[in-house]
Amino acid sequence: MLSSKLPPSAFKAGEMTSAMLAERRGTVRTPVIKSAKLLVGQGYSQAVYNCLVLDESNDGALVDLGMACSLPEDVILQLFGGVARKAKQRWSAGSKVGLEFVGEQLVSAEASQEMVEIAHSIRARCLLAGIAALRERNFFSHSGLRTAAENAESAFYKLEDILRDPLMSVQSEKE
C-alpha cells in the first residue's frame, strides 16, 4: 500500500538524490570543471588539497577531491588564477564536498599590490588637478559640468579607497 502512494521515480536512488540536492540549494549552480585548491588550517598546520570544481554559483560550489577526506568546517577555495573565497563545508559524500561561500571574495597579496599601483597611477594622471582647475573657473557657470565634476571627484575618492585597501572597503560597506 505504501508504494501506491509514492510516484515510481521516488524509488530510483539517482533521481531521488538529485531532487533532494536541488531542493536544498538556495541558487542554481552552473556546471563547470575548474582546477582549484582547498586551503585548510593556518600557519605551520596549513594543508592544501588539489580538487576540481564541478559546479558553482554565487553562493557555493561542489568540489571533487578525488578521494574521501576529512575536512574541517571552515576552508578557503582558491581557483586557478587567484580568485579565493572563504567557505563552510555543508556536506560531503565520498570524494565530493558541498561548500557554501562565506563573505566576499578574498584578494590575494599580488592582486592587492596591483590595486595599490593602479591607485597611484590614477592619482598621477591628475584627475583632481583638472577638477580643481574647473572649480577655479567656477565650472564655467555650467551646472551640469559642476555636477559631473563633483560626481567624478567623489567616485575618484571611493575608487582610490577601495584600491588602497580592498579588504577594508568590503568590510565598511557591510557596516
N, C-alpha and C. Protein backbone atom coordinates (compact mmCIF):
# COMPACT_ATOMS: atom_id res chain seq x y z
N MET A 1 0.81 -1.19 0.00
CA MET A 1 0.00 0.00 0.00
C MET A 1 0.85 1.26 0.00
N LEU A 2 1.95 1.27 0.73
CA LEU A 2 2.81 2.44 0.80
C LEU A 2 3.34 2.80 -0.57
N SER A 3 3.71 1.81 -1.37
CA SER A 3 4.28 2.09 -2.68
C SER A 3 3.26 2.71 -3.64
N SER A 4 1.99 2.47 -3.41
CA SER A 4 1.00 3.04 -4.32
C SER A 4 0.82 4.55 -4.09
N LYS A 5 1.26 5.06 -2.93
CA LYS A 5 1.12 6.49 -2.65
C LYS A 5 2.30 7.30 -3.18
N LEU A 6 3.41 6.68 -3.42
CA LEU A 6 4.59 7.39 -3.89
C LEU A 6 4.77 7.19 -5.39
N PRO A 7 5.24 8.22 -6.09
CA PRO A 7 5.48 8.05 -7.53
C PRO A 7 6.60 7.05 -7.76
N PRO A 8 6.57 6.31 -8.86
CA PRO A 8 7.61 5.31 -9.12
C PRO A 8 9.02 5.88 -9.13
N SER A 9 9.19 7.14 -9.55
CA SER A 9 10.54 7.72 -9.62
C SER A 9 11.15 7.90 -8.23
N ALA A 10 10.34 7.92 -7.17
CA ALA A 10 10.87 8.10 -5.83
C ALA A 10 11.73 6.92 -5.40
N PHE A 11 11.61 5.80 -6.06
CA PHE A 11 12.38 4.61 -5.68
C PHE A 11 13.70 4.50 -6.43
N LYS A 12 13.92 5.39 -7.40
CA LYS A 12 15.18 5.39 -8.13
C LYS A 12 16.16 6.28 -7.37
N ALA A 13 17.23 5.70 -6.86
CA ALA A 13 18.16 6.40 -5.98
C ALA A 13 18.76 7.65 -6.61
N GLY A 14 19.17 7.57 -7.86
CA GLY A 14 19.79 8.71 -8.53
C GLY A 14 18.86 9.89 -8.64
N GLU A 15 17.62 9.64 -9.02
CA GLU A 15 16.65 10.71 -9.18
C GLU A 15 16.29 11.31 -7.83
N MET A 16 16.17 10.48 -6.83
CA MET A 16 15.82 10.96 -5.50
C MET A 16 16.93 11.86 -4.96
N THR A 17 18.16 11.45 -5.12
CA THR A 17 19.28 12.23 -4.63
C THR A 17 19.36 13.57 -5.35
N SER A 18 19.21 13.61 -6.66
CA SER A 18 19.25 14.85 -7.41
C SER A 18 18.12 15.78 -6.98
N ALA A 19 16.95 15.23 -6.81
CA ALA A 19 15.81 16.04 -6.39
C ALA A 19 16.04 16.63 -5.00
N MET A 20 16.57 15.82 -4.10
CA MET A 20 16.82 16.30 -2.74
C MET A 20 17.89 17.39 -2.75
N LEU A 21 18.96 17.22 -3.53
CA LEU A 21 20.01 18.22 -3.61
C LEU A 21 19.48 19.52 -4.19
N ALA A 22 18.69 19.43 -5.23
CA ALA A 22 18.15 20.62 -5.87
C ALA A 22 17.28 21.41 -4.91
N GLU A 23 16.53 20.74 -4.06
CA GLU A 23 15.65 21.43 -3.13
C GLU A 23 16.43 22.15 -2.04
N ARG A 24 17.61 21.66 -1.66
CA ARG A 24 18.38 22.26 -0.59
C ARG A 24 19.15 23.50 -1.03
N ARG A 25 19.42 23.66 -2.29
CA ARG A 25 20.21 24.78 -2.78
C ARG A 25 19.38 26.05 -2.84
N GLY A 26 20.01 27.15 -2.43
CA GLY A 26 19.34 28.44 -2.49
C GLY A 26 19.37 29.05 -3.88
N THR A 27 20.40 28.72 -4.66
CA THR A 27 20.53 29.26 -6.01
C THR A 27 20.91 28.14 -6.97
N VAL A 28 20.70 28.37 -8.24
CA VAL A 28 21.03 27.39 -9.26
C VAL A 28 22.53 27.40 -9.49
N ARG A 29 23.13 26.23 -9.55
CA ARG A 29 24.56 26.13 -9.81
C ARG A 29 24.79 25.83 -11.29
N THR A 30 25.91 26.32 -11.79
CA THR A 30 26.30 26.13 -13.18
C THR A 30 27.36 25.04 -13.25
N PRO A 31 27.18 24.05 -14.09
CA PRO A 31 28.21 23.01 -14.25
C PRO A 31 29.49 23.61 -14.83
N VAL A 32 30.62 23.30 -14.22
CA VAL A 32 31.93 23.76 -14.69
C VAL A 32 32.95 22.66 -14.39
N ILE A 33 34.12 22.79 -14.93
CA ILE A 33 35.25 21.97 -14.50
C ILE A 33 36.43 22.93 -14.39
N LYS A 34 36.82 23.23 -13.14
CA LYS A 34 37.91 24.17 -12.89
C LYS A 34 38.88 23.56 -11.89
N SER A 35 40.16 23.77 -12.13
CA SER A 35 41.17 23.35 -11.16
C SER A 35 41.14 24.32 -9.98
N ALA A 36 41.33 23.77 -8.78
CA ALA A 36 41.30 24.60 -7.59
C ALA A 36 42.09 23.92 -6.47
N LYS A 37 42.21 24.64 -5.37
CA LYS A 37 42.84 24.11 -4.17
C LYS A 37 41.96 24.45 -2.99
N LEU A 38 41.86 23.52 -2.05
CA LEU A 38 41.21 23.80 -0.78
C LEU A 38 42.31 24.03 0.25
N LEU A 39 42.29 25.19 0.90
CA LEU A 39 43.26 25.51 1.93
C LEU A 39 42.59 25.35 3.28
N VAL A 40 43.20 24.58 4.16
CA VAL A 40 42.65 24.37 5.49
C VAL A 40 43.73 24.65 6.53
N GLY A 41 43.32 25.13 7.69
CA GLY A 41 44.27 25.43 8.75
C GLY A 41 45.00 26.72 8.50
N GLN A 42 45.93 27.04 9.42
CA GLN A 42 46.70 28.27 9.31
C GLN A 42 48.14 28.02 9.72
N GLY A 43 49.02 28.86 9.25
CA GLY A 43 50.42 28.79 9.65
C GLY A 43 51.06 27.47 9.29
N TYR A 44 51.78 26.90 10.27
CA TYR A 44 52.50 25.64 10.02
C TYR A 44 51.57 24.45 9.88
N SER A 45 50.36 24.57 10.38
CA SER A 45 49.43 23.44 10.29
C SER A 45 48.53 23.53 9.06
N GLN A 46 48.86 24.43 8.13
CA GLN A 46 48.03 24.58 6.94
C GLN A 46 48.25 23.40 5.99
N ALA A 47 47.14 22.93 5.40
CA ALA A 47 47.19 21.86 4.41
C ALA A 47 46.54 22.36 3.12
N VAL A 48 46.99 21.82 2.00
CA VAL A 48 46.46 22.19 0.69
C VAL A 48 46.01 20.92 -0.02
N TYR A 49 44.76 20.92 -0.49
CA TYR A 49 44.21 19.78 -1.23
C TYR A 49 43.88 20.23 -2.64
N ASN A 50 44.43 19.56 -3.64
CA ASN A 50 44.05 19.82 -5.02
C ASN A 50 42.65 19.26 -5.24
N CYS A 51 41.83 19.97 -6.03
CA CYS A 51 40.47 19.50 -6.29
C CYS A 51 39.98 20.06 -7.61
N LEU A 52 38.82 19.58 -8.03
CA LEU A 52 38.13 20.09 -9.20
C LEU A 52 36.80 20.68 -8.75
N VAL A 53 36.47 21.85 -9.25
CA VAL A 53 35.14 22.44 -9.02
C VAL A 53 34.25 21.88 -10.11
N LEU A 54 33.17 21.20 -9.70
CA LEU A 54 32.26 20.56 -10.67
C LEU A 54 31.07 21.43 -11.01
N ASP A 55 30.62 22.23 -10.04
CA ASP A 55 29.60 23.23 -10.32
C ASP A 55 29.73 24.35 -9.31
N GLU A 56 29.19 25.53 -9.68
CA GLU A 56 29.34 26.69 -8.81
C GLU A 56 28.17 27.65 -8.99
N SER A 57 27.99 28.50 -8.00
CA SER A 57 27.02 29.58 -8.04
C SER A 57 27.63 30.74 -7.25
N ASN A 58 26.88 31.80 -7.11
CA ASN A 58 27.35 32.92 -6.29
C ASN A 58 27.44 32.53 -4.82
N ASP A 59 26.68 31.51 -4.42
CA ASP A 59 26.60 31.13 -3.02
C ASP A 59 27.45 29.93 -2.62
N GLY A 60 27.93 29.15 -3.59
CA GLY A 60 28.68 27.96 -3.20
C GLY A 60 29.21 27.18 -4.38
N ALA A 61 29.79 26.02 -4.06
CA ALA A 61 30.39 25.18 -5.11
C ALA A 61 30.37 23.72 -4.68
N LEU A 62 30.42 22.86 -5.67
CA LEU A 62 30.59 21.43 -5.46
C LEU A 62 32.00 21.09 -5.94
N VAL A 63 32.81 20.53 -5.05
CA VAL A 63 34.18 20.17 -5.42
C VAL A 63 34.37 18.66 -5.27
N ASP A 64 35.31 18.14 -6.08
CA ASP A 64 35.67 16.74 -6.00
C ASP A 64 37.16 16.66 -5.68
N LEU A 65 37.48 16.02 -4.56
CA LEU A 65 38.87 15.90 -4.12
C LEU A 65 39.58 14.69 -4.71
N GLY A 66 38.85 13.81 -5.38
CA GLY A 66 39.46 12.62 -5.97
C GLY A 66 39.57 11.47 -5.00
N MET A 67 39.37 11.73 -3.72
CA MET A 67 39.38 10.69 -2.68
C MET A 67 38.63 11.24 -1.48
N ALA A 68 38.14 10.36 -0.65
CA ALA A 68 37.43 10.78 0.54
C ALA A 68 38.42 11.39 1.53
N CYS A 69 38.10 12.57 2.04
CA CYS A 69 38.96 13.27 3.00
C CYS A 69 38.11 13.81 4.14
N SER A 70 38.70 13.91 5.29
CA SER A 70 38.05 14.54 6.43
C SER A 70 38.53 15.97 6.50
N LEU A 71 37.63 16.91 6.20
CA LEU A 71 37.98 18.33 6.18
C LEU A 71 37.32 19.04 7.35
N PRO A 72 37.94 20.14 7.81
CA PRO A 72 37.27 20.96 8.83
C PRO A 72 36.09 21.71 8.19
N GLU A 73 35.27 22.31 9.02
CA GLU A 73 34.11 23.04 8.51
C GLU A 73 34.53 24.26 7.69
N ASP A 74 35.54 25.01 8.17
CA ASP A 74 35.98 26.23 7.51
C ASP A 74 37.17 25.97 6.60
N VAL A 75 37.04 26.38 5.33
CA VAL A 75 38.10 26.19 4.33
C VAL A 75 38.17 27.45 3.46
N ILE A 76 39.20 27.51 2.65
CA ILE A 76 39.30 28.53 1.61
C ILE A 76 39.42 27.81 0.28
N LEU A 77 38.55 28.16 -0.65
CA LEU A 77 38.59 27.60 -2.00
C LEU A 77 39.33 28.60 -2.87
N GLN A 78 40.48 28.18 -3.41
CA GLN A 78 41.27 29.04 -4.30
C GLN A 78 41.25 28.45 -5.69
N LEU A 79 40.64 29.19 -6.62
CA LEU A 79 40.56 28.75 -8.00
C LEU A 79 41.86 29.06 -8.73
N PHE A 80 42.16 28.28 -9.75
CA PHE A 80 43.33 28.55 -10.57
C PHE A 80 43.16 29.95 -11.16
N GLY A 81 44.15 30.79 -11.00
CA GLY A 81 44.06 32.16 -11.48
C GLY A 81 43.96 33.16 -10.34
N GLY A 82 43.85 32.68 -9.10
CA GLY A 82 43.96 33.59 -7.97
C GLY A 82 42.70 33.91 -7.20
N VAL A 83 41.50 33.71 -7.75
CA VAL A 83 40.28 34.03 -7.02
C VAL A 83 40.15 33.08 -5.84
N ALA A 84 39.88 33.63 -4.66
CA ALA A 84 39.74 32.80 -3.46
C ALA A 84 38.50 33.23 -2.68
N ARG A 85 37.83 32.25 -2.07
CA ARG A 85 36.63 32.51 -1.26
C ARG A 85 36.69 31.69 0.01
N LYS A 86 36.33 32.32 1.14
CA LYS A 86 36.15 31.56 2.37
C LYS A 86 34.86 30.76 2.21
N ALA A 87 34.86 29.54 2.76
CA ALA A 87 33.69 28.69 2.59
C ALA A 87 33.50 27.80 3.81
N LYS A 88 32.28 27.32 3.96
CA LYS A 88 31.95 26.35 5.00
C LYS A 88 31.53 25.06 4.31
N GLN A 89 32.05 23.95 4.82
CA GLN A 89 31.64 22.64 4.31
C GLN A 89 30.23 22.39 4.81
N ARG A 90 29.31 22.11 3.88
CA ARG A 90 27.92 21.86 4.26
C ARG A 90 27.58 20.37 4.23
N TRP A 91 28.27 19.62 3.38
CA TRP A 91 28.05 18.18 3.31
C TRP A 91 29.22 17.56 2.56
N SER A 92 29.36 16.25 2.72
CA SER A 92 30.35 15.51 1.94
C SER A 92 29.81 14.10 1.71
N ALA A 93 30.16 13.56 0.54
CA ALA A 93 29.78 12.20 0.18
C ALA A 93 30.90 11.64 -0.67
N GLY A 94 31.65 10.70 -0.09
CA GLY A 94 32.79 10.15 -0.81
C GLY A 94 33.83 11.23 -1.03
N SER A 95 34.18 11.44 -2.30
CA SER A 95 35.20 12.44 -2.62
C SER A 95 34.61 13.82 -2.89
N LYS A 96 33.30 13.94 -2.89
CA LYS A 96 32.63 15.21 -3.21
C LYS A 96 32.27 15.98 -1.94
N VAL A 97 32.43 17.31 -2.02
CA VAL A 97 32.15 18.18 -0.89
C VAL A 97 31.33 19.37 -1.37
N GLY A 98 30.26 19.67 -0.66
CA GLY A 98 29.44 20.84 -0.95
C GLY A 98 29.89 22.00 -0.07
N LEU A 99 30.20 23.14 -0.69
CA LEU A 99 30.69 24.30 0.04
C LEU A 99 29.71 25.46 -0.10
N GLU A 100 29.56 26.22 0.98
CA GLU A 100 28.79 27.45 0.95
C GLU A 100 29.77 28.59 1.18
N PHE A 101 29.77 29.58 0.26
CA PHE A 101 30.69 30.71 0.40
C PHE A 101 30.28 31.60 1.56
N VAL A 102 31.29 32.12 2.25
CA VAL A 102 31.08 32.99 3.39
C VAL A 102 31.79 34.31 3.11
N GLY A 103 31.08 35.40 3.10
CA GLY A 103 31.70 36.70 2.89
C GLY A 103 32.05 36.97 1.43
N GLU A 104 32.80 38.03 1.26
CA GLU A 104 33.19 38.47 -0.08
C GLU A 104 34.39 37.70 -0.59
N GLN A 105 34.65 37.84 -1.87
CA GLN A 105 35.83 37.24 -2.50
C GLN A 105 37.08 37.81 -1.83
N LEU A 106 38.06 36.94 -1.55
CA LEU A 106 39.31 37.39 -0.96
C LEU A 106 40.23 37.94 -2.05
N VAL A 107 41.08 38.87 -1.66
CA VAL A 107 42.03 39.46 -2.59
C VAL A 107 43.42 38.97 -2.23
N SER A 108 44.12 38.39 -3.20
CA SER A 108 45.46 37.87 -2.95
C SER A 108 46.43 39.03 -2.72
N ALA A 109 47.58 38.74 -2.14
CA ALA A 109 48.60 39.76 -1.90
C ALA A 109 49.05 40.39 -3.21
N GLU A 110 49.18 39.56 -4.26
CA GLU A 110 49.59 40.07 -5.57
C GLU A 110 48.54 41.03 -6.14
N ALA A 111 47.29 40.63 -6.07
CA ALA A 111 46.22 41.48 -6.59
C ALA A 111 46.12 42.77 -5.79
N SER A 112 46.29 42.68 -4.48
CA SER A 112 46.25 43.87 -3.63
C SER A 112 47.35 44.85 -4.02
N GLN A 113 48.55 44.35 -4.26
CA GLN A 113 49.66 45.21 -4.67
C GLN A 113 49.37 45.86 -6.02
N GLU A 114 48.81 45.11 -6.95
CA GLU A 114 48.46 45.67 -8.26
C GLU A 114 47.42 46.77 -8.10
N MET A 115 46.46 46.58 -7.20
CA MET A 115 45.42 47.58 -6.97
C MET A 115 46.03 48.88 -6.44
N VAL A 116 46.99 48.78 -5.51
CA VAL A 116 47.66 49.97 -4.97
C VAL A 116 48.42 50.69 -6.09
N GLU A 117 49.09 49.94 -6.95
CA GLU A 117 49.81 50.55 -8.08
C GLU A 117 48.85 51.28 -9.02
N ILE A 118 47.68 50.72 -9.25
CA ILE A 118 46.69 51.37 -10.10
C ILE A 118 46.20 52.65 -9.44
N ALA A 119 46.01 52.64 -8.12
CA ALA A 119 45.59 53.85 -7.40
C ALA A 119 46.62 54.95 -7.58
N HIS A 120 47.91 54.60 -7.49
CA HIS A 120 48.97 55.60 -7.70
C HIS A 120 48.94 56.12 -9.14
N SER A 121 48.69 55.23 -10.09
CA SER A 121 48.63 55.62 -11.50
C SER A 121 47.48 56.59 -11.75
N ILE A 122 46.33 56.33 -11.15
CA ILE A 122 45.18 57.22 -11.32
C ILE A 122 45.49 58.59 -10.75
N ARG A 123 46.09 58.63 -9.56
CA ARG A 123 46.44 59.91 -8.94
C ARG A 123 47.46 60.66 -9.80
N ALA A 124 48.43 59.96 -10.34
CA ALA A 124 49.47 60.59 -11.15
C ALA A 124 48.90 61.21 -12.43
N ARG A 125 47.79 60.70 -12.91
CA ARG A 125 47.21 61.24 -14.15
C ARG A 125 46.39 62.50 -13.89
N CYS A 126 46.32 62.95 -12.67
CA CYS A 126 45.83 64.28 -12.30
C CYS A 126 44.35 64.56 -12.56
N LEU A 127 43.49 63.63 -12.30
CA LEU A 127 42.05 63.91 -12.39
C LEU A 127 41.69 65.05 -11.44
N LEU A 128 42.26 65.02 -10.24
CA LEU A 128 41.93 66.06 -9.25
C LEU A 128 42.42 67.44 -9.69
N ALA A 129 43.56 67.50 -10.39
CA ALA A 129 44.05 68.79 -10.87
C ALA A 129 43.07 69.38 -11.89
N GLY A 130 42.51 68.54 -12.74
CA GLY A 130 41.52 69.01 -13.70
C GLY A 130 40.27 69.52 -13.02
N ILE A 131 39.82 68.81 -12.00
CA ILE A 131 38.63 69.25 -11.26
C ILE A 131 38.92 70.55 -10.53
N ALA A 132 40.13 70.69 -9.95
CA ALA A 132 40.50 71.94 -9.27
C ALA A 132 40.50 73.11 -10.25
N ALA A 133 41.01 72.87 -11.47
CA ALA A 133 41.01 73.94 -12.49
C ALA A 133 39.58 74.33 -12.85
N LEU A 134 38.70 73.36 -12.98
CA LEU A 134 37.28 73.67 -13.25
C LEU A 134 36.67 74.47 -12.11
N ARG A 135 37.00 74.09 -10.88
CA ARG A 135 36.47 74.78 -9.70
C ARG A 135 36.95 76.24 -9.69
N GLU A 136 38.24 76.47 -10.03
CA GLU A 136 38.79 77.83 -10.08
C GLU A 136 38.04 78.70 -11.09
N ARG A 137 37.57 78.08 -12.13
CA ARG A 137 36.83 78.81 -13.17
C ARG A 137 35.33 78.74 -12.93
N ASN A 138 34.97 78.37 -11.69
CA ASN A 138 33.56 78.28 -11.29
C ASN A 138 32.76 77.40 -12.23
N PHE A 139 33.41 76.33 -12.70
CA PHE A 139 32.79 75.35 -13.59
C PHE A 139 32.16 76.00 -14.82
N PHE A 140 32.74 77.15 -15.21
CA PHE A 140 32.26 77.89 -16.38
C PHE A 140 30.77 78.21 -16.26
N SER A 141 30.31 78.35 -14.99
CA SER A 141 28.90 78.66 -14.72
C SER A 141 27.95 77.66 -15.37
N HIS A 142 28.38 76.42 -15.44
CA HIS A 142 27.58 75.37 -16.07
C HIS A 142 27.21 74.35 -15.00
N SER A 143 25.94 74.30 -14.62
CA SER A 143 25.53 73.42 -13.51
C SER A 143 25.73 71.94 -13.83
N GLY A 144 25.51 71.54 -15.07
CA GLY A 144 25.72 70.14 -15.46
C GLY A 144 27.18 69.75 -15.34
N LEU A 145 28.08 70.66 -15.75
CA LEU A 145 29.52 70.41 -15.64
C LEU A 145 29.93 70.30 -14.18
N ARG A 146 29.41 71.19 -13.34
CA ARG A 146 29.72 71.16 -11.90
C ARG A 146 29.27 69.83 -11.29
N THR A 147 28.06 69.39 -11.59
CA THR A 147 27.54 68.14 -11.05
C THR A 147 28.38 66.95 -11.51
N ALA A 148 28.73 66.91 -12.79
CA ALA A 148 29.54 65.82 -13.33
C ALA A 148 30.93 65.80 -12.68
N ALA A 149 31.54 66.98 -12.51
CA ALA A 149 32.87 67.06 -11.89
C ALA A 149 32.82 66.62 -10.43
N GLU A 150 31.79 67.04 -9.70
CA GLU A 150 31.67 66.63 -8.30
C GLU A 150 31.43 65.13 -8.19
N ASN A 151 30.63 64.58 -9.07
CA ASN A 151 30.42 63.12 -9.08
C ASN A 151 31.71 62.38 -9.40
N ALA A 152 32.47 62.90 -10.37
CA ALA A 152 33.75 62.28 -10.73
C ALA A 152 34.73 62.33 -9.55
N GLU A 153 34.76 63.46 -8.85
CA GLU A 153 35.66 63.60 -7.70
C GLU A 153 35.27 62.63 -6.59
N SER A 154 33.99 62.52 -6.32
CA SER A 154 33.50 61.58 -5.31
C SER A 154 33.83 60.14 -5.69
N ALA A 155 33.58 59.79 -6.95
CA ALA A 155 33.88 58.44 -7.43
C ALA A 155 35.38 58.18 -7.37
N PHE A 156 36.20 59.18 -7.67
CA PHE A 156 37.65 59.04 -7.61
C PHE A 156 38.08 58.65 -6.19
N TYR A 157 37.58 59.38 -5.19
CA TYR A 157 37.98 59.09 -3.81
C TYR A 157 37.50 57.71 -3.36
N LYS A 158 36.31 57.33 -3.77
CA LYS A 158 35.80 56.00 -3.42
C LYS A 158 36.65 54.91 -4.08
N LEU A 159 36.97 55.08 -5.37
CA LEU A 159 37.80 54.13 -6.09
C LEU A 159 39.19 54.05 -5.46
N GLU A 160 39.76 55.19 -5.11
CA GLU A 160 41.08 55.22 -4.50
C GLU A 160 41.09 54.47 -3.16
N ASP A 161 40.05 54.67 -2.35
CA ASP A 161 39.95 53.96 -1.07
C ASP A 161 39.90 52.45 -1.28
N ILE A 162 39.11 52.00 -2.24
CA ILE A 162 38.97 50.57 -2.50
C ILE A 162 40.28 49.99 -3.01
N LEU A 163 40.94 50.70 -3.91
CA LEU A 163 42.19 50.20 -4.46
C LEU A 163 43.31 50.18 -3.43
N ARG A 164 43.31 51.14 -2.52
CA ARG A 164 44.34 51.19 -1.49
C ARG A 164 44.21 50.05 -0.49
N ASP A 165 42.99 49.77 -0.08
CA ASP A 165 42.77 48.75 0.93
C ASP A 165 41.48 48.00 0.62
N PRO A 166 41.54 47.01 -0.30
CA PRO A 166 40.33 46.33 -0.76
C PRO A 166 39.58 45.61 0.35
N LEU A 167 40.28 45.06 1.33
CA LEU A 167 39.59 44.34 2.39
C LEU A 167 38.84 45.29 3.32
N MET A 168 39.40 46.45 3.61
CA MET A 168 38.73 47.43 4.47
C MET A 168 37.48 47.96 3.79
N SER A 169 37.53 48.20 2.48
CA SER A 169 36.38 48.76 1.79
C SER A 169 35.22 47.77 1.77
N VAL A 170 35.50 46.47 1.67
CA VAL A 170 34.44 45.46 1.70
C VAL A 170 33.81 45.43 3.08
N GLN A 171 34.63 45.52 4.13
CA GLN A 171 34.11 45.49 5.49
C GLN A 171 33.28 46.73 5.79
N SER A 172 33.73 47.93 5.33
CA SER A 172 32.99 49.16 5.62
C SER A 172 31.65 49.19 4.90
N GLU A 173 31.53 48.55 3.73
CA GLU A 173 30.26 48.50 3.02
C GLU A 173 29.23 47.69 3.79
N LYS A 174 29.68 46.70 4.55
CA LYS A 174 28.75 45.85 5.30
C LYS A 174 28.23 46.56 6.56
N GLU A 175 28.99 47.54 7.07
CA GLU A 175 28.61 48.22 8.32
C GLU A 175 27.59 49.29 8.12
